Each structure stands twice: as C-alpha cells, then as structure tokens.
Amino acid sequence: MTQADAGRKAALVYSDQLASHVLSDSHPMRPIRLAHTYELVRQSGLLESPNANLIAPREATEAELTRVHSDDYLQAVKTLAVGSENGGIPYGFGPGDNPIYDGIYQAQALSAGSAMVAMELVESDDYDVAFAPAGGLHHAMPTRASGFCVFNDPAMAIQAMVDAGRRVVYIDIDCHHGDGVQHIFYDSDQVLTISLHESGQFLFPGSGFVGDIGTGMGEGFSVNVPLAPHTGDAVYATAFDAIVTPLTRAFQPDVIVTQLGMDTHVFDPITHLRLTTQGFARTVAKLSELADEAGKWIALGGGGYDLGAVARGWSMAFAVMSEQRIPDAIPESFDAIEGIVKFADVPPGDPEPVMASQIAAFADRSIEEITTALFPRFGI
C-alpha cells in the first residue's frame, strides 16, 4: 500500500452526470443505479472516513478511446450523438441491446473517462484503490458496440497500464463473459484475463469456454471459468479459490483490474446465477487480498439489473475497498429503492439435490480442465 501507516486510500469516481442519461424506456441498463449506489454509500457514512474520497470523472479523450477503438468507429458514435441514425447498424447500434439516444457519445465518453480517472489515481500512488462503478463495459469491441457497451473502458485502462510497463491481471466477475476485453488482449502475455461467468451455453455472449486460452504470445493468458445456471455462493467460492487466487499469484501482477458486475445476483432479471450480496462481498474481499499483494487496484462496475442488488452490492464493495465495516441495515433516510432494509440477503433456498449435484459437477469440470491445461504454464 502507498498509505501503509494510514490504511488503504480509496476513491469513488462518480458525479450525477454519469447517471443522467437513459438508453430507452424499456432498457434493462438503467444508469440511475449509479445514483442510487452513490446515495447509499453516502448515507451509510462510507465517505466520511479520511481515507475514502469522492472524485469527479472526466470525458475520455479521443486519444484514449482510439488506443482501443478504431477511428471510424469513434466518428460513427459521434455522428449518432447528434441525432443521425444513419450508419449505426454496421457498428452494432439499433433497436435492442445498443439503442441510439441523444448525447450517446458524451455519456459513454464520460463513463469511459471515469475508468481512466480511476487508473490515473492509482497510477499516481495517491490512492491504493479507485472504484469507478460507471465503468466495466466489457463487451464493446474495437469496431462495434455490443451487449449494452459502447466503449471498452476496462481495456482502455489496462492498455494505459501496459503502456506504462505494468503487468496486469484482469478479473471479471460479471455474470456475462468478458469477451471484449479478452478479444483485445488475446495475443498479449502482459495481461492475464480471468473471467468467471455463467456458461456461454446458456447466456450472452455465447463465448468464454475453457478452451479459449489465447493465441500467439498470449496463449495461456486467457482464462475462462464457465459455471452452470443457478450456481450459488458456495460453488462460486470454490471455483474462485481454485482458479483465480493461484493464477493471479503466479502471474505476479503490478496492478489488478476488476470488473465487478452485480448481475450474478439471485434477483437479477436477465441472468441465472444465484449469488447473494454477502457472497459477492466475500468475493470482493478476496480480490482485496490479491490487490494488497499487487499494490494497485482499479475497480470497475459492469452489469447488474436489479437496482436494489446493485446499490447494496457496490456499496458493500466500496466498504471492503476502504477497509470499513459493512453496515447491517440500510439507513432509514435512504428511500430511493423500496423494499430493501438490510445489506445482506436472506439466503435463497438450496436447489434440489440432483440439480445441486449437477451444478457442482459443472464447476468441477471447469476447474479440472483449467488446472490441467493452464496451471503447468505458470509453474503451479
């Protein structure tokens, strides 16, 4: 840590401008979730610690965006931002996942810029960890939008760290495979990408299988841990402990970049895993331990479509990052989301024994295949 005597220094990168746009009236990605998260963090007193600060974002520059995205793609998004819908379809825009809306370029450049601010804060050594919940848009490809994602801010932050000579481990715990980030660094041995996700057999984007391990210099540096639908806290923890921890330590990164999608939650409306907020927080605590060893931690948001789960989970994550106790009760003053009274969930009921056995066996197969194929490459 850079602030060893004073404790970990943590930043939350946020402004209300990040939550002011709307993708469409029916779209599951609702930026208002960011405002709810900030208000819950604030009202829970998590920004009152001298080691926890709120930092404003900025728009990503064109130079930062084009380190990952093509010039043509960037210009297409700019054109869409001023009300023209012509030419959007070849770049992944249109009805459905990636709608066109007024100000799309500015909104997405600000989201991407929040991740770049987090990277700059950590790289400056003024902070040990910086959390940009508006970031984590991991599906965007160099020349097209995908899966609610326009600019791939995790890849942008990672590329900046690689350019600075850093070895990076990217750990993605979103329910969906982190396909865009994997694609961008698929041939790099300076970035180890690890994605735990619901198997592409059952969920968008239909990728992220154990055999997808990288190519060229990057062979062995892409790690995918597909899990069965209905996987809960215990099996998820087993897979994390078996794969993420030993590989991260073997790689010996200079910085850890995490994508903390909350769509693994049992209440999420578009996915099928069954994690609780406390299971999510325990995973973040393990990431925190790995980040302590690396010394630098850039934390990003990601998916999450149940507003209450997102606000609670990401608030709990920031408590872990800033080394504060996770509160028990939601403050009475917090009334933005009805029906939530505690940060922790009542654990969901266990699946039927046959299903539980199948879920565990699915994870065990993924673990065995990864340990057999990849661990020897890292001397494990």
Protein backbone atom coordinates (compact mmCIF):
# COMPACT_ATOMS: atom_id res chain seq x y z
CA MET A 1 0.00 0.00 0.00
CA THR A 2 1.09 3.55 -0.59
CA GLN A 3 -0.52 4.71 2.65
CA ALA A 4 0.69 1.88 4.85
CA ASP A 5 0.57 3.81 8.11
CA ALA A 6 -2.80 5.44 7.47
CA GLY A 7 -4.60 2.48 5.94
CA ARG A 8 -5.73 1.93 2.40
CA LYS A 9 -6.61 5.08 0.49
CA ALA A 10 -9.78 4.56 -1.60
CA ALA A 11 -11.53 6.75 -4.16
CA LEU A 12 -15.07 6.57 -5.51
CA VAL A 13 -15.18 8.09 -9.00
CA TYR A 14 -18.66 9.49 -9.51
CA SER A 15 -20.80 12.50 -10.41
CA ASP A 16 -24.53 12.72 -11.03
CA GLN A 17 -23.85 13.40 -14.70
CA LEU A 18 -22.94 9.71 -15.06
CA ALA A 19 -26.50 8.76 -14.12
CA SER A 20 -28.36 11.36 -16.18
CA HIS A 21 -28.86 9.54 -19.50
CA VAL A 22 -31.47 6.94 -20.43
CA LEU A 23 -30.84 4.25 -23.03
CA SER A 24 -34.56 3.72 -23.61
CA ASP A 25 -37.75 3.49 -21.54
CA SER A 26 -37.63 -0.32 -21.53
CA HIS A 27 -33.89 -0.96 -21.49
CA PRO A 28 -32.62 -3.08 -18.57
CA MET A 29 -29.44 -0.98 -18.24
CA ARG A 30 -30.55 1.96 -16.10
CA PRO A 31 -27.82 4.45 -15.26
CA ILE A 32 -29.92 5.68 -12.32
CA ARG A 33 -28.45 2.65 -10.49
CA LEU A 34 -25.23 4.65 -10.20
CA ALA A 35 -27.00 7.50 -8.40
CA HIS A 36 -28.67 5.02 -6.06
CA THR A 37 -25.31 3.43 -5.29
CA TYR A 38 -23.70 6.79 -4.57
CA GLU A 39 -26.57 7.84 -2.30
CA LEU A 40 -26.41 4.57 -0.37
CA VAL A 41 -22.64 4.89 0.03
CA ARG A 42 -23.01 8.50 1.20
CA GLN A 43 -25.94 7.96 3.53
CA SER A 44 -24.22 4.93 5.04
CA GLY A 45 -21.31 7.17 6.06
CA LEU A 46 -18.77 5.37 3.89
CA LEU A 47 -17.39 8.65 2.51
CA GLU A 48 -16.80 10.10 5.99
CA SER A 49 -13.57 8.18 6.53
CA PRO A 50 -10.45 10.28 5.92
CA ASN A 51 -9.20 7.51 3.62
CA ALA A 52 -12.32 7.48 1.39
CA ASN A 53 -12.80 10.30 -1.08
CA LEU A 54 -15.22 11.20 -3.85
CA ILE A 55 -13.51 12.13 -7.12
CA ALA A 56 -15.23 13.60 -10.18
CA PRO A 57 -14.91 11.87 -13.57
CA ARG A 58 -14.00 13.45 -16.90
CA GLU A 59 -14.67 12.52 -20.51
CA ALA A 60 -12.18 10.16 -22.10
CA THR A 61 -10.10 11.84 -24.77
CA GLU A 62 -10.11 10.75 -28.39
CA ALA A 63 -6.52 9.60 -27.99
CA GLU A 64 -7.54 7.34 -25.09
CA LEU A 65 -10.54 5.95 -26.94
CA THR A 66 -8.56 5.18 -30.09
CA ARG A 67 -5.96 3.18 -28.15
CA VAL A 68 -8.70 0.52 -28.18
CA HIS A 69 -11.27 1.57 -30.77
CA SER A 70 -10.91 2.39 -34.47
CA ASP A 71 -11.09 5.95 -35.77
CA ASP A 72 -14.05 5.02 -37.97
CA TYR A 73 -15.97 3.64 -35.01
CA LEU A 74 -15.29 6.72 -32.92
CA GLN A 75 -16.53 9.01 -35.67
CA ALA A 76 -19.65 6.86 -36.12
CA VAL A 77 -20.55 7.22 -32.43
CA LYS A 78 -20.01 10.97 -32.66
CA THR A 79 -22.38 11.13 -35.63
CA LEU A 80 -25.03 9.15 -33.76
CA ALA A 81 -24.72 11.53 -30.80
CA VAL A 82 -26.08 14.47 -32.78
CA GLY A 83 -29.26 12.71 -33.83
CA SER A 84 -28.32 10.87 -37.01
CA GLU A 85 -29.29 7.21 -37.07
CA ASN A 86 -27.71 6.58 -40.45
CA GLY A 87 -24.88 4.09 -40.44
CA GLY A 88 -25.39 2.78 -36.91
CA ILE A 89 -26.23 -0.81 -37.76
CA PRO A 90 -22.76 -1.83 -39.09
CA TYR A 91 -21.32 -0.63 -35.79
CA GLY A 92 -23.72 -2.59 -33.60
CA PHE A 93 -26.31 0.12 -32.94
CA GLY A 94 -30.04 -0.09 -33.43
CA PRO A 95 -33.14 -1.45 -31.68
CA GLY A 96 -32.36 -3.84 -28.85
CA ASP A 97 -29.16 -4.01 -26.86
CA ASN A 98 -27.47 -0.85 -28.13
CA PRO A 99 -30.05 1.84 -28.91
CA ILE A 100 -29.16 5.27 -30.22
CA TYR A 101 -30.02 8.22 -27.97
CA ASP A 102 -29.21 11.91 -27.88
CA GLY A 103 -25.79 12.59 -26.40
CA ILE A 104 -24.65 8.96 -26.62
CA TYR A 105 -21.05 9.90 -27.35
CA GLN A 106 -20.76 12.31 -24.43
CA ALA A 107 -22.44 9.93 -21.98
CA GLN A 108 -20.28 6.99 -22.96
CA ALA A 109 -17.08 9.03 -23.14
CA LEU A 110 -17.78 10.17 -19.57
CA SER A 111 -18.33 6.59 -18.40
CA ALA A 112 -15.08 5.55 -20.06
CA GLY A 113 -13.34 8.59 -18.65
CA SER A 114 -14.37 7.60 -15.12
CA ALA A 115 -12.33 4.43 -15.55
CA MET A 116 -9.38 6.43 -16.84
CA VAL A 117 -9.59 8.68 -13.78
CA ALA A 118 -9.56 5.58 -11.57
CA MET A 119 -6.47 4.37 -13.40
CA GLU A 120 -4.74 7.76 -13.01
CA LEU A 121 -5.49 7.93 -9.28
CA VAL A 122 -3.99 4.50 -8.68
CA GLU A 123 -1.05 5.02 -11.01
CA SER A 124 -0.21 8.30 -9.24
CA ASP A 125 0.17 6.41 -5.94
CA ASP A 126 -2.22 8.87 -4.29
CA TYR A 127 -4.71 6.02 -3.95
CA ASP A 128 -4.37 2.29 -3.43
CA VAL A 129 -7.76 1.55 -4.98
CA ALA A 130 -10.18 3.54 -7.08
CA PHE A 131 -13.72 2.38 -7.86
CA ALA A 132 -15.49 3.66 -10.98
CA PRO A 133 -18.93 1.98 -10.92
CA ALA A 134 -19.91 3.57 -14.26
CA GLY A 135 -17.09 1.62 -15.91
CA GLY A 136 -16.76 -2.06 -16.61
CA LEU A 137 -18.38 -2.05 -20.06
CA HIS A 138 -16.54 -5.16 -21.10
CA HIS A 139 -18.39 -6.30 -24.25
CA ALA A 140 -17.51 -3.42 -26.57
CA MET A 141 -15.28 -4.43 -29.47
CA PRO A 142 -12.75 -2.24 -31.30
CA THR A 143 -15.15 -1.55 -34.17
CA ARG A 144 -18.63 -2.11 -32.74
CA ALA A 145 -20.90 -1.80 -29.75
CA SER A 146 -22.07 -4.97 -28.05
CA GLY A 147 -24.13 -6.01 -25.05
CA PHE A 148 -25.05 -2.52 -23.77
CA CYS A 149 -21.39 -1.45 -24.11
CA VAL A 150 -20.16 1.32 -26.42
CA PHE A 151 -16.57 1.97 -25.28
CA ASN A 152 -14.48 -0.73 -23.63
CA ASP A 153 -13.18 1.19 -20.64
CA PRO A 154 -11.57 -1.83 -18.90
CA ALA A 155 -9.41 -2.38 -21.98
CA MET A 156 -8.61 1.33 -22.14
CA ALA A 157 -7.39 1.39 -18.55
CA ILE A 158 -5.47 -1.85 -19.00
CA GLN A 159 -3.82 -0.59 -22.18
CA ALA A 160 -2.68 2.55 -20.40
CA MET A 161 -1.11 0.44 -17.66
CA VAL A 162 0.57 -1.85 -20.20
CA ASP A 163 1.91 1.22 -21.99
CA ALA A 164 3.41 2.26 -18.66
CA GLY A 165 5.20 -1.09 -18.40
CA ARG A 166 2.80 -2.76 -15.96
CA ARG A 167 1.82 -6.42 -15.87
CA VAL A 168 -1.93 -6.59 -15.38
CA VAL A 169 -4.35 -9.21 -14.15
CA TYR A 170 -7.92 -8.51 -15.23
CA ILE A 171 -10.50 -10.36 -13.13
CA ASP A 172 -14.09 -10.24 -14.39
CA ILE A 173 -16.85 -11.50 -12.08
CA ASP A 174 -19.78 -10.28 -14.17
CA CYS A 175 -22.33 -12.97 -14.96
CA HIS A 176 -21.54 -12.49 -18.66
CA HIS A 177 -18.23 -13.45 -20.23
CA GLY A 178 -15.82 -10.52 -20.58
CA ASP A 179 -15.44 -11.15 -24.29
CA GLY A 180 -14.41 -7.66 -25.44
CA VAL A 181 -11.52 -7.38 -23.02
CA GLN A 182 -10.39 -10.92 -23.79
CA HIS A 183 -10.51 -10.21 -27.53
CA ILE A 184 -8.39 -7.06 -27.26
CA PHE A 185 -5.63 -8.78 -25.26
CA TYR A 186 -5.98 -12.30 -26.70
CA ASP A 187 -2.43 -12.28 -28.07
CA SER A 188 -0.74 -10.49 -25.15
CA ASP A 189 1.39 -12.03 -22.42
CA GLN A 190 1.38 -8.79 -20.42
CA VAL A 191 -2.28 -9.17 -19.48
CA LEU A 192 -3.79 -12.20 -17.78
CA THR A 193 -7.57 -12.12 -18.27
CA ILE A 194 -9.69 -14.26 -15.95
CA SER A 195 -13.47 -14.37 -16.37
CA LEU A 196 -15.89 -16.25 -14.10
CA HIS A 197 -19.32 -16.30 -15.70
CA GLU A 198 -22.45 -18.21 -16.47
CA SER A 199 -21.52 -20.53 -19.31
CA GLY A 200 -21.96 -19.26 -22.85
CA GLN A 201 -24.03 -22.37 -23.46
CA PHE A 202 -26.84 -20.58 -21.66
CA LEU A 203 -26.17 -16.83 -21.77
CA PHE A 204 -24.97 -13.97 -23.96
CA PRO A 205 -22.41 -13.54 -25.49
CA GLY A 206 -22.17 -17.29 -26.07
CA SER A 207 -18.41 -17.42 -25.51
CA GLY A 208 -15.87 -17.87 -22.74
CA PHE A 209 -15.26 -21.60 -22.82
CA VAL A 210 -12.34 -23.27 -21.07
CA GLY A 211 -10.59 -23.96 -24.38
CA ASP A 212 -10.41 -20.25 -25.22
CA ILE A 213 -6.90 -19.68 -23.84
CA GLY A 214 -5.33 -17.05 -26.11
CA THR A 215 -3.16 -17.14 -29.18
CA GLY A 216 0.44 -16.39 -30.14
CA MET A 217 2.31 -14.71 -27.30
CA GLY A 218 -0.97 -14.69 -25.40
CA GLU A 219 -1.54 -18.43 -25.44
CA GLY A 220 -2.35 -19.48 -21.90
CA PHE A 221 -3.09 -15.94 -20.74
CA SER A 222 -6.87 -16.03 -21.28
CA VAL A 223 -8.65 -17.99 -18.57
CA ASN A 224 -12.36 -18.75 -18.59
CA VAL A 225 -14.33 -20.34 -15.77
CA PRO A 226 -17.82 -21.14 -17.09
CA LEU A 227 -20.42 -22.02 -14.48
CA ALA A 228 -23.85 -23.62 -14.66
CA PRO A 229 -27.09 -21.69 -14.25
CA HIS A 230 -28.24 -21.50 -10.61
CA THR A 231 -24.69 -21.59 -9.26
CA GLY A 232 -24.76 -20.10 -5.76
CA ASP A 233 -22.32 -18.68 -3.24
CA ALA A 234 -20.62 -21.91 -2.15
CA VAL A 235 -19.83 -23.36 -5.58
CA TYR A 236 -18.84 -19.92 -6.88
CA ALA A 237 -16.39 -19.52 -3.98
CA THR A 238 -14.91 -22.94 -4.69
CA ALA A 239 -14.26 -22.02 -8.33
CA PHE A 240 -12.77 -18.65 -7.41
CA ASP A 241 -10.44 -20.13 -4.80
CA ALA A 242 -9.33 -22.94 -7.10
CA ILE A 243 -8.55 -20.79 -10.15
CA VAL A 244 -8.37 -17.03 -9.58
CA THR A 245 -6.21 -16.92 -6.48
CA PRO A 246 -3.39 -19.27 -7.56
CA LEU A 247 -3.18 -17.94 -11.12
CA THR A 248 -3.13 -14.31 -10.00
CA ARG A 249 -0.33 -15.01 -7.54
CA ALA A 250 1.63 -17.00 -10.09
CA PHE A 251 1.42 -14.17 -12.64
CA GLN A 252 2.71 -11.63 -10.07
CA PRO A 253 0.92 -8.58 -11.47
CA ASP A 254 1.82 -4.96 -10.85
CA VAL A 255 -1.84 -3.98 -10.88
CA ILE A 256 -5.20 -5.72 -10.65
CA VAL A 257 -8.17 -4.51 -12.66
CA THR A 258 -11.52 -5.93 -11.60
CA GLN A 259 -14.91 -5.84 -13.28
CA LEU A 260 -17.50 -6.18 -10.51
CA GLY A 261 -20.74 -6.89 -12.36
CA MET A 262 -23.63 -7.42 -9.94
CA ASP A 263 -25.71 -9.45 -12.38
CA THR A 264 -24.63 -12.67 -10.67
CA HIS A 265 -27.25 -11.81 -8.04
CA VAL A 266 -30.12 -14.16 -7.37
CA PHE A 267 -32.67 -11.40 -8.12
CA ASP A 268 -31.13 -10.28 -11.41
CA PRO A 269 -33.85 -10.35 -14.08
CA ILE A 270 -31.76 -11.35 -17.12
CA THR A 271 -29.26 -13.89 -15.75
CA HIS A 272 -29.39 -17.21 -13.93
CA LEU A 273 -26.72 -17.37 -11.19
CA ARG A 274 -27.82 -17.21 -7.55
CA LEU A 275 -25.26 -15.23 -5.60
CA THR A 276 -26.25 -13.16 -2.57
CA THR A 277 -24.87 -9.74 -1.76
CA GLN A 278 -22.82 -11.26 1.04
CA GLY A 279 -21.43 -13.87 -1.37
CA PHE A 280 -20.49 -11.05 -3.73
CA ALA A 281 -18.87 -9.10 -0.89
CA ARG A 282 -16.82 -12.13 0.15
CA THR A 283 -15.54 -12.37 -3.42
CA VAL A 284 -14.58 -8.68 -3.34
CA ALA A 285 -12.76 -9.30 -0.06
CA LYS A 286 -10.69 -11.99 -1.78
CA LEU A 287 -9.93 -9.58 -4.61
CA SER A 288 -8.87 -7.09 -1.96
CA GLU A 289 -6.32 -9.53 -0.59
CA LEU A 290 -4.88 -10.10 -4.06
CA ALA A 291 -4.81 -6.35 -4.67
CA ASP A 292 -2.85 -5.83 -1.45
CA GLU A 293 -0.19 -8.15 -2.81
CA ALA A 294 -0.05 -6.35 -6.16
CA GLY A 295 -0.22 -2.89 -4.60
CA LYS A 296 -2.58 -1.28 -7.14
CA TRP A 297 -6.29 -1.92 -7.68
CA ILE A 298 -8.55 -0.42 -10.35
CA ALA A 299 -12.15 -1.47 -9.69
CA LEU A 300 -14.92 -1.03 -12.25
CA GLY A 301 -18.66 -1.67 -12.30
CA GLY A 302 -20.38 -3.67 -15.01
CA GLY A 303 -23.68 -5.46 -15.33
CA GLY A 304 -26.46 -5.53 -12.76
CA TYR A 305 -30.13 -5.04 -13.49
CA ASP A 306 -31.84 -5.30 -10.12
CA LEU A 307 -31.49 -1.81 -8.67
CA GLY A 308 -31.53 -2.90 -5.04
CA ALA A 309 -28.91 -5.59 -5.55
CA VAL A 310 -26.62 -3.21 -7.43
CA ALA A 311 -26.81 -0.42 -4.86
CA ARG A 312 -26.27 -2.78 -1.94
CA GLY A 313 -23.54 -4.88 -3.57
CA TRP A 314 -21.46 -1.98 -4.84
CA SER A 315 -21.81 -0.13 -1.53
CA MET A 316 -20.58 -3.25 0.23
CA ALA A 317 -17.72 -3.44 -2.26
CA PHE A 318 -16.67 0.13 -1.50
CA ALA A 319 -16.75 -0.64 2.21
CA VAL A 320 -14.31 -3.50 1.56
CA MET A 321 -12.10 -1.30 -0.61
CA SER A 322 -11.93 1.46 2.00
CA GLU A 323 -11.46 -1.02 4.86
CA GLN A 324 -14.68 -0.09 6.63
CA ARG A 325 -17.27 -2.30 8.27
CA ILE A 326 -20.15 -3.23 6.02
CA PRO A 327 -23.27 -1.85 7.69
CA ASP A 328 -26.05 -4.19 8.71
CA ALA A 329 -29.10 -2.06 7.98
CA ILE A 330 -29.98 0.24 5.11
CA PRO A 331 -30.21 3.80 6.52
CA GLU A 332 -33.79 4.88 7.16
CA SER A 333 -33.04 8.05 5.21
CA PHE A 334 -32.42 6.04 2.03
CA ASP A 335 -35.75 5.89 0.23
CA ALA A 336 -34.70 5.73 -3.44
CA ILE A 337 -35.44 2.00 -3.67
CA GLU A 338 -38.36 0.43 -1.87
CA GLY A 339 -38.25 -2.89 -0.11
CA ILE A 340 -34.60 -3.11 0.94
CA VAL A 341 -33.85 -2.95 4.66
CA LYS A 342 -30.56 -4.83 5.03
CA PHE A 343 -27.36 -5.03 3.03
CA ALA A 344 -27.19 -8.82 3.32
CA ASP A 345 -29.75 -11.10 1.68
CA VAL A 346 -31.77 -13.84 3.23
CA PRO A 347 -30.03 -16.80 1.55
CA PRO A 348 -32.15 -18.39 -1.17
CA GLY A 349 -33.24 -21.96 -0.72
CA ASP A 350 -30.91 -24.68 -1.94
CA PRO A 351 -31.61 -26.30 -5.31
CA GLU A 352 -32.99 -29.79 -5.39
CA PRO A 353 -30.25 -32.37 -4.63
CA VAL A 354 -29.99 -33.61 -8.22
CA MET A 355 -29.67 -30.07 -9.57
CA ALA A 356 -27.19 -29.13 -6.84
CA SER A 357 -25.05 -32.12 -7.81
CA GLN A 358 -25.14 -31.12 -11.47
CA ILE A 359 -24.18 -27.52 -10.65
CA ALA A 360 -21.20 -28.64 -8.57
CA ALA A 361 -20.11 -31.16 -11.21
CA PHE A 362 -20.20 -28.47 -13.91
CA ALA A 363 -17.88 -26.26 -11.87
CA ASP A 364 -15.63 -29.19 -11.03
CA ARG A 365 -15.19 -29.97 -14.74
CA SER A 366 -14.24 -26.37 -15.48
CA ILE A 367 -11.76 -26.36 -12.61
CA GLU A 368 -10.20 -29.67 -13.64
CA GLU A 369 -9.82 -28.64 -17.29
CA ILE A 370 -8.22 -25.31 -16.37
CA THR A 371 -5.82 -26.76 -13.83
CA THR A 372 -4.75 -29.45 -16.27
CA ALA A 373 -4.33 -27.18 -19.29
CA LEU A 374 -3.06 -23.93 -17.79
CA PHE A 375 -1.56 -24.40 -14.34
CA PRO A 376 1.64 -26.07 -15.61
CA ARG A 377 2.29 -22.99 -17.81
CA PHE A 378 2.53 -20.95 -14.61
CA GLY A 379 4.53 -23.45 -12.63
CA ILE A 380 1.59 -24.39 -10.43
